[in-house]
């Protein structure tokens, strides 16, 4: 099943029908051909535990598959709010800039990119409109060091795009942003809050703020 967006926003991906049969290599190749025809990203996402046979088919069809821990929130384990983390109705330009710098150095290890690089990028940055909720860790004298986004569908909320400037890592800011987005989602009536961690190291950050692993999110993209 291929989703195609109408208007602006993030491009969608394809996913197997659920419940359904066992996808084949031919199915994945057909999907990729249709995505190229529509000029949309060749992206495929699914939960491994619900469609386990798709992993081998996707790899055989030329996709590289990230197997990310799929995690859900245990509300009773949320930590106390961080004093300098807040959720916003609008998306300040810092959200895009900090996320871009954070994802250019993936993982949890500290790095050299920090406030100076952020401020240089902000001088030429353009605000982006969005309907999602965003959270920032805005520290006195330092500004926005970590960001995140929450996307809602009915009473389910997915937390995504959590990023911390490399020079500000190992200070608990990414976890604090995640926790505040989760708290905001619950206060606004969400019955389920989930996320996908890029690695086991990152999953441990989310475990510390109340998330537990329930499965594996598979994210397929063309081999570069």
C-alpha atoms as a PDB file:
ATOM      1  CA  UNK A   1       0.000   0.000   0.000  1.00  0.00           C
ATOM      2  CA  UNK A   2       1.526   3.286  -1.138  1.00  0.00           C
ATOM      3  CA  UNK A   3       0.545   6.600   0.440  1.00  0.00           C
ATOM      4  CA  UNK A   4       0.880   9.773  -1.640  1.00  0.00           C
ATOM      5  CA  UNK A   5       0.675  13.161   0.021  1.00  0.00           C
ATOM      6  CA  UNK A   6      -1.556  16.004  -1.118  1.00  0.00           C
ATOM      7  CA  UNK A   7       0.131  19.384  -0.700  1.00  0.00           C
ATOM      8  CA  UNK A   8       3.180  20.280   1.351  1.00  0.00           C
ATOM      9  CA  UNK A   9       4.733  18.226   4.108  1.00  0.00           C
ATOM     10  CA  UNK A  10       6.873  15.156   4.587  1.00  0.00           C
ATOM     11  CA  UNK A  11       6.586  12.501   1.856  1.00  0.00           C
ATOM     12  CA  UNK A  12       4.843   9.288   2.826  1.00  0.00           C
ATOM     13  CA  UNK A  13       6.076   5.722   2.478  1.00  0.00           C
ATOM     14  CA  UNK A  14       4.720   2.357   1.416  1.00  0.00           C
ATOM     15  CA  UNK A  15       3.752  -0.362   3.901  1.00  0.00           C
ATOM     16  CA  UNK A  16       2.372  -3.909   3.726  1.00  0.00           C
ATOM     17  CA  UNK A  17      -1.344  -4.387   4.252  1.00  0.00           C
ATOM     18  CA  UNK A  18      -2.266  -5.670   7.687  1.00  0.00           C
ATOM     19  CA  UNK A  19      -3.443  -8.305   8.035  1.00  0.00           C
ATOM     20  CA  UNK A  20      -2.268  -9.598   4.705  1.00  0.00           C
ATOM     21  CA  UNK A  21      -0.268 -12.260   2.976  1.00  0.00           C
ATOM     22  CA  UNK A  22       3.474 -12.761   2.640  1.00  0.00           C
ATOM     23  CA  UNK A  23       5.054  -9.991   0.502  1.00  0.00           C
ATOM     24  CA  UNK A  24       7.462 -11.159  -2.179  1.00  0.00           C
ATOM     25  CA  UNK A  25      10.491  -9.669  -3.875  1.00  0.00           C
ATOM     26  CA  UNK A  26       8.275  -8.987  -6.904  1.00  0.00           C
ATOM     27  CA  UNK A  27       5.869  -7.029  -4.709  1.00  0.00           C
ATOM     28  CA  UNK A  28       8.654  -4.807  -3.422  1.00  0.00           C
ATOM     29  CA  UNK A  29      10.075  -4.236  -6.909  1.00  0.00           C
ATOM     30  CA  UNK A  30       6.627  -3.294  -8.196  1.00  0.00           C
ATOM     31  CA  UNK A  31       6.213  -0.825  -5.353  1.00  0.00           C
ATOM     32  CA  UNK A  32       9.611   0.750  -6.031  1.00  0.00           C
ATOM     33  CA  UNK A  33       8.807   1.131  -9.722  1.00  0.00           C
ATOM     34  CA  UNK A  34       5.539   2.900  -8.874  1.00  0.00           C
ATOM     35  CA  UNK A  35       7.331   5.266  -6.498  1.00  0.00           C
ATOM     36  CA  UNK A  36       9.846   6.177  -9.196  1.00  0.00           C
ATOM     37  CA  UNK A  37       6.979   6.732 -11.628  1.00  0.00           C
ATOM     38  CA  UNK A  38       5.350   9.160  -9.167  1.00  0.00           C
ATOM     39  CA  UNK A  39       8.718  10.784  -8.337  1.00  0.00           C
ATOM     40  CA  UNK A  40       8.379  10.085  -4.602  1.00  0.00           C
ATOM     41  CA  UNK A  41      11.017   8.574  -2.293  1.00  0.00           C
ATOM     42  CA  UNK A  42      11.460   4.815  -2.529  1.00  0.00           C
ATOM     43  CA  UNK A  43      10.598   4.236   1.117  1.00  0.00           C
ATOM     44  CA  UNK A  44       9.058   1.198   2.814  1.00  0.00           C
ATOM     45  CA  UNK A  45       8.195   0.907   6.518  1.00  0.00           C
ATOM     46  CA  UNK A  46       6.687  -1.887   8.586  1.00  0.00           C
ATOM     47  CA  UNK A  47       6.768  -3.653  11.949  1.00  0.00           C
ATOM     48  CA  UNK A  48       8.902  -6.760  11.737  1.00  0.00           C
ATOM     49  CA  UNK A  49       6.837  -8.779  14.197  1.00  0.00           C
ATOM     50  CA  UNK A  50       3.632  -8.327  12.157  1.00  0.00           C
ATOM     51  CA  UNK A  51       5.223  -9.037   8.739  1.00  0.00           C
ATOM     52  CA  UNK A  52       8.451 -10.959   9.433  1.00  0.00           C
ATOM     53  CA  UNK A  53       8.889 -12.292   5.905  1.00  0.00           C
ATOM     54  CA  UNK A  54       9.185  -8.821   4.398  1.00  0.00           C
ATOM     55  CA  UNK A  55      12.707  -8.221   5.696  1.00  0.00           C
ATOM     56  CA  UNK A  56      14.351 -10.786   3.411  1.00  0.00           C
ATOM     57  CA  UNK A  57      12.194  -9.709   0.449  1.00  0.00           C
ATOM     58  CA  UNK A  58      13.056  -6.042   0.917  1.00  0.00           C
ATOM     59  CA  UNK A  59      16.785  -6.743   1.113  1.00  0.00           C
ATOM     60  CA  UNK A  60      16.640  -8.990  -1.954  1.00  0.00           C
ATOM     61  CA  UNK A  61      14.804  -6.197  -3.804  1.00  0.00           C
ATOM     62  CA  UNK A  62      17.681  -3.800  -3.215  1.00  0.00           C
ATOM     63  CA  UNK A  63      16.634  -1.972  -0.063  1.00  0.00           C
ATOM     64  CA  UNK A  64      18.802  -1.215   2.924  1.00  0.00           C
ATOM     65  CA  UNK A  65      16.758  -1.803   6.083  1.00  0.00           C
ATOM     66  CA  UNK A  66      17.225  -0.019   9.391  1.00  0.00           C
ATOM     67  CA  UNK A  67      15.886  -2.168  12.228  1.00  0.00           C
ATOM     68  CA  UNK A  68      14.903   0.334  14.914  1.00  0.00           C
ATOM     69  CA  UNK A  69      13.615  -0.515  18.398  1.00  0.00           C
ATOM     70  CA  UNK A  70       9.891   0.292  18.473  1.00  0.00           C
ATOM     71  CA  UNK A  71       8.956   1.700  21.876  1.00  0.00           C
ATOM     72  CA  UNK A  72       5.796   2.747  23.724  1.00  0.00           C
ATOM     73  CA  UNK A  73       5.377   4.991  26.735  1.00  0.00           C
ATOM     74  CA  UNK A  74       4.608   3.770  30.235  1.00  0.00           C
ATOM     75  CA  UNK A  75       3.003   6.986  31.596  1.00  0.00           C
ATOM     76  CA  UNK A  76       3.728   6.073  35.209  1.00  0.00           C
ATOM     77  CA  UNK A  77       7.460   6.187  34.520  1.00  0.00           C
ATOM     78  CA  UNK A  78       7.675   9.721  33.126  1.00  0.00           C
ATOM     79  CA  UNK A  79      10.266  11.791  35.014  1.00  0.00           C
ATOM     80  CA  UNK A  80       9.658  15.227  36.489  1.00  0.00           C
ATOM     81  CA  UNK A  81       9.575  18.092  33.948  1.00  0.00           C
ATOM     82  CA  UNK A  82      12.852  19.777  33.033  1.00  0.00           C
ATOM     83  CA  UNK A  83      12.774  23.479  33.990  1.00  0.00           C
ATOM     84  CA  UNK A  84      14.025  24.690  30.617  1.00  0.00           C
ATOM     85  CA  UNK A  85      12.112  22.382  28.252  1.00  0.00           C
ATOM     86  CA  UNK A  86       8.855  23.630  26.771  1.00  0.00           C
ATOM     87  CA  UNK A  87       6.304  22.541  24.176  1.00  0.00           C
ATOM     88  CA  UNK A  88       5.306  25.042  21.497  1.00  0.00           C
ATOM     89  CA  UNK A  89       2.247  25.444  19.295  1.00  0.00           C
ATOM     90  CA  UNK A  90       4.393  26.900  16.533  1.00  0.00           C
ATOM     91  CA  UNK A  91       7.646  25.741  14.979  1.00  0.00           C
ATOM     92  CA  UNK A  92      10.473  28.204  15.580  1.00  0.00           C
ATOM     93  CA  UNK A  93      13.251  28.209  13.047  1.00  0.00           C
ATOM     94  CA  UNK A  94      15.634  26.769  15.676  1.00  0.00           C
ATOM     95  CA  UNK A  95      13.792  23.436  15.465  1.00  0.00           C
ATOM     96  CA  UNK A  96      14.876  22.832  11.882  1.00  0.00           C
ATOM     97  CA  UNK A  97      18.405  24.133  12.356  1.00  0.00           C
ATOM     98  CA  UNK A  98      19.188  22.194  15.538  1.00  0.00           C
ATOM     99  CA  UNK A  99      17.667  19.015  14.096  1.00  0.00           C
ATOM    100  CA  UNK A 100      19.749  19.344  10.921  1.00  0.00           C
ATOM    101  CA  UNK A 101      22.978  19.822  12.861  1.00  0.00           C
ATOM    102  CA  UNK A 102      22.123  16.988  15.244  1.00  0.00           C
ATOM    103  CA  UNK A 103      21.315  14.489  12.485  1.00  0.00           C
ATOM    104  CA  UNK A 104      24.485  15.389  10.584  1.00  0.00           C
ATOM    105  CA  UNK A 105      26.327  13.724  13.495  1.00  0.00           C
ATOM    106  CA  UNK A 106      24.054  10.793  14.420  1.00  0.00           C
ATOM    107  CA  UNK A 107      24.290   8.841  17.625  1.00  0.00           C
ATOM    108  CA  UNK A 108      24.765   9.857  21.244  1.00  0.00           C
ATOM    109  CA  UNK A 109      28.473  10.725  21.287  1.00  0.00           C
ATOM    110  CA  UNK A 110      29.454  14.345  21.979  1.00  0.00           C
ATOM    111  CA  UNK A 111      30.982  16.381  19.172  1.00  0.00           C
ATOM    112  CA  UNK A 112      32.301  19.825  18.335  1.00  0.00           C
ATOM    113  CA  UNK A 113      29.219  21.234  16.552  1.00  0.00           C
ATOM    114  CA  UNK A 114      27.344  23.512  18.904  1.00  0.00           C
ATOM    115  CA  UNK A 115      26.042  27.006  19.530  1.00  0.00           C
ATOM    116  CA  UNK A 116      28.397  28.769  17.100  1.00  0.00           C
ATOM    117  CA  UNK A 117      27.376  26.555  14.183  1.00  0.00           C
ATOM    118  CA  UNK A 118      23.703  26.852  15.145  1.00  0.00           C
ATOM    119  CA  UNK A 119      23.825  30.632  15.175  1.00  0.00           C
ATOM    120  CA  UNK A 120      25.630  30.715  11.823  1.00  0.00           C
ATOM    121  CA  UNK A 121      22.916  28.553  10.249  1.00  0.00           C
ATOM    122  CA  UNK A 122      20.134  30.621  11.832  1.00  0.00           C
ATOM    123  CA  UNK A 123      21.231  33.741   9.974  1.00  0.00           C
ATOM    124  CA  UNK A 124      20.060  32.259   6.674  1.00  0.00           C
ATOM    125  CA  UNK A 125      17.337  29.914   7.899  1.00  0.00           C
ATOM    126  CA  UNK A 126      13.699  30.166   6.814  1.00  0.00           C
ATOM    127  CA  UNK A 127      10.777  29.228   9.099  1.00  0.00           C
ATOM    128  CA  UNK A 128       8.745  26.177   8.036  1.00  0.00           C
ATOM    129  CA  UNK A 129       5.022  25.934   8.759  1.00  0.00           C
ATOM    130  CA  UNK A 130       3.799  22.735  10.408  1.00  0.00           C
ATOM    131  CA  UNK A 131       0.742  21.339  12.168  1.00  0.00           C
ATOM    132  CA  UNK A 132       2.768  19.256  14.617  1.00  0.00           C
ATOM    133  CA  UNK A 133       3.758  20.001  18.206  1.00  0.00           C
ATOM    134  CA  UNK A 134       7.394  20.816  18.932  1.00  0.00           C
ATOM    135  CA  UNK A 135       9.509  20.933  22.058  1.00  0.00           C
ATOM    136  CA  UNK A 136      12.782  22.742  22.700  1.00  0.00           C
ATOM    137  CA  UNK A 137      15.389  22.712  25.433  1.00  0.00           C
ATOM    138  CA  UNK A 138      16.081  26.449  25.687  1.00  0.00           C
ATOM    139  CA  UNK A 139      18.776  27.065  28.290  1.00  0.00           C
ATOM    140  CA  UNK A 140      19.643  30.483  29.722  1.00  0.00           C
ATOM    141  CA  UNK A 141      22.700  31.940  28.067  1.00  0.00           C
ATOM    142  CA  UNK A 142      22.905  29.096  25.539  1.00  0.00           C
ATOM    143  CA  UNK A 143      19.617  29.109  23.644  1.00  0.00           C
ATOM    144  CA  UNK A 144      17.998  26.098  21.994  1.00  0.00           C
ATOM    145  CA  UNK A 145      20.223  23.019  22.332  1.00  0.00           C
ATOM    146  CA  UNK A 146      17.777  20.142  21.733  1.00  0.00           C
ATOM    147  CA  UNK A 147      14.503  19.768  19.841  1.00  0.00           C
ATOM    148  CA  UNK A 148      11.784  17.244  19.031  1.00  0.00           C
ATOM    149  CA  UNK A 149       8.430  16.817  17.298  1.00  0.00           C
ATOM    150  CA  UNK A 150       5.154  15.048  18.071  1.00  0.00           C
ATOM    151  CA  UNK A 151       2.797  13.912  15.291  1.00  0.00           C
ATOM    152  CA  UNK A 152      -0.793  13.007  16.087  1.00  0.00           C
ATOM    153  CA  UNK A 153      -3.301  10.692  14.385  1.00  0.00           C
ATOM    154  CA  UNK A 154      -6.504  10.412  16.400  1.00  0.00           C
ATOM    155  CA  UNK A 155      -5.570   9.464  19.953  1.00  0.00           C
ATOM    156  CA  UNK A 156      -2.145   8.094  18.954  1.00  0.00           C
ATOM    157  CA  UNK A 157       0.980  10.277  19.034  1.00  0.00           C
ATOM    158  CA  UNK A 158       4.370   9.491  17.530  1.00  0.00           C
ATOM    159  CA  UNK A 159       7.412  11.317  18.849  1.00  0.00           C
ATOM    160  CA  UNK A 160      10.095  11.864  16.230  1.00  0.00           C
ATOM    161  CA  UNK A 161      13.067  13.977  15.157  1.00  0.00           C
ATOM    162  CA  UNK A 162      14.622  14.217  18.620  1.00  0.00           C
ATOM    163  CA  UNK A 163      17.993  15.878  18.201  1.00  0.00           C
ATOM    164  CA  UNK A 164      20.629  17.514  20.409  1.00  0.00           C
ATOM    165  CA  UNK A 165      23.532  19.642  19.242  1.00  0.00           C
ATOM    166  CA  UNK A 166      26.591  17.362  19.444  1.00  0.00           C
ATOM    167  CA  UNK A 167      28.433  19.746  21.786  1.00  0.00           C
ATOM    168  CA  UNK A 168      25.474  19.633  24.227  1.00  0.00           C
ATOM    169  CA  UNK A 169      25.058  15.848  24.404  1.00  0.00           C
ATOM    170  CA  UNK A 170      25.278  13.727  27.564  1.00  0.00           C
ATOM    171  CA  UNK A 171      23.323  16.363  29.531  1.00  0.00           C
ATOM    172  CA  UNK A 172      19.937  14.622  29.432  1.00  0.00           C
ATOM    173  CA  UNK A 173      18.391  17.176  27.097  1.00  0.00           C
ATOM    174  CA  UNK A 174      17.189  14.764  24.392  1.00  0.00           C
ATOM    175  CA  UNK A 175      15.469  12.625  26.992  1.00  0.00           C
ATOM    176  CA  UNK A 176      13.925  15.689  28.638  1.00  0.00           C
ATOM    177  CA  UNK A 177      12.522  16.898  25.300  1.00  0.00           C
ATOM    178  CA  UNK A 178      11.099  13.434  24.629  1.00  0.00           C
ATOM    179  CA  UNK A 179       9.489  13.268  28.069  1.00  0.00           C
ATOM    180  CA  UNK A 180       7.898  16.704  27.729  1.00  0.00           C
ATOM    181  CA  UNK A 181       6.406  15.863  24.333  1.00  0.00           C
ATOM    182  CA  UNK A 182       5.017  12.650  25.840  1.00  0.00           C
ATOM    183  CA  UNK A 183       3.559  14.521  28.820  1.00  0.00           C
ATOM    184  CA  UNK A 184       1.964  17.076  26.502  1.00  0.00           C
ATOM    185  CA  UNK A 185       0.463  14.292  24.375  1.00  0.00           C
ATOM    186  CA  UNK A 186      -1.120  12.652  27.420  1.00  0.00           C
ATOM    187  CA  UNK A 187      -2.504  15.967  28.644  1.00  0.00           C
ATOM    188  CA  UNK A 188      -4.087  16.490  25.229  1.00  0.00           C
ATOM    189  CA  UNK A 189      -5.867  13.133  25.354  1.00  0.00           C
ATOM    190  CA  UNK A 190      -3.471  10.653  23.718  1.00  0.00           C
ATOM    191  CA  UNK A 191      -4.050   7.028  24.685  1.00  0.00           C
ATOM    192  CA  UNK A 192      -0.815   5.757  23.118  1.00  0.00           C
ATOM    193  CA  UNK A 193       2.555   7.466  22.680  1.00  0.00           C
ATOM    194  CA  UNK A 194       5.286   5.691  20.718  1.00  0.00           C
ATOM    195  CA  UNK A 195       8.582   6.249  18.943  1.00  0.00           C
ATOM    196  CA  UNK A 196      11.293   4.437  17.011  1.00  0.00           C
ATOM    197  CA  UNK A 197      14.900   4.593  18.206  1.00  0.00           C
ATOM    198  CA  UNK A 198      17.655   4.673  15.609  1.00  0.00           C
ATOM    199  CA  UNK A 199      19.892   2.380  17.647  1.00  0.00           C
ATOM    200  CA  UNK A 200      20.125   0.455  20.905  1.00  0.00           C
ATOM    201  CA  UNK A 201      22.188   3.276  22.436  1.00  0.00           C
ATOM    202  CA  UNK A 202      19.470   5.788  21.628  1.00  0.00           C
ATOM    203  CA  UNK A 203      16.805   3.368  22.863  1.00  0.00           C
ATOM    204  CA  UNK A 204      18.473   3.421  26.272  1.00  0.00           C
ATOM    205  CA  UNK A 205      17.963   7.199  26.405  1.00  0.00           C
ATOM    206  CA  UNK A 206      14.238   6.714  25.862  1.00  0.00           C
ATOM    207  CA  UNK A 207      14.073   3.885  28.396  1.00  0.00           C
ATOM    208  CA  UNK A 208      15.279   6.319  31.061  1.00  0.00           C
ATOM    209  CA  UNK A 209      12.242   8.571  30.476  1.00  0.00           C
ATOM    210  CA  UNK A 210       9.564   5.882  30.520  1.00  0.00           C
ATOM    211  CA  UNK A 211       9.554   4.066  27.165  1.00  0.00           C
ATOM    212  CA  UNK A 212       9.816   0.293  26.722  1.00  0.00           C
ATOM    213  CA  UNK A 213      10.528  -1.776  23.641  1.00  0.00           C
ATOM    214  CA  UNK A 214       7.602  -3.666  22.110  1.00  0.00           C
ATOM    215  CA  UNK A 215       8.930  -4.586  18.667  1.00  0.00           C
ATOM    216  CA  UNK A 216      11.116  -3.595  15.732  1.00  0.00           C
ATOM    217  CA  UNK A 217      10.322  -0.856  13.226  1.00  0.00           C
ATOM    218  CA  UNK A 218      11.856  -1.636   9.831  1.00  0.00           C
ATOM    219  CA  UNK A 219      12.667   1.308   7.576  1.00  0.00           C
ATOM    220  CA  UNK A 220      13.732   0.408   4.055  1.00  0.00           C
ATOM    221  CA  UNK A 221      15.437   2.739   1.553  1.00  0.00           C
ATOM    222  CA  UNK A 222      17.526   2.192  -1.580  1.00  0.00           C
ATOM    223  CA  UNK A 223      21.105   1.065  -1.057  1.00  0.00           C
ATOM    224  CA  UNK A 224      23.376   4.030  -1.727  1.00  0.00           C
END
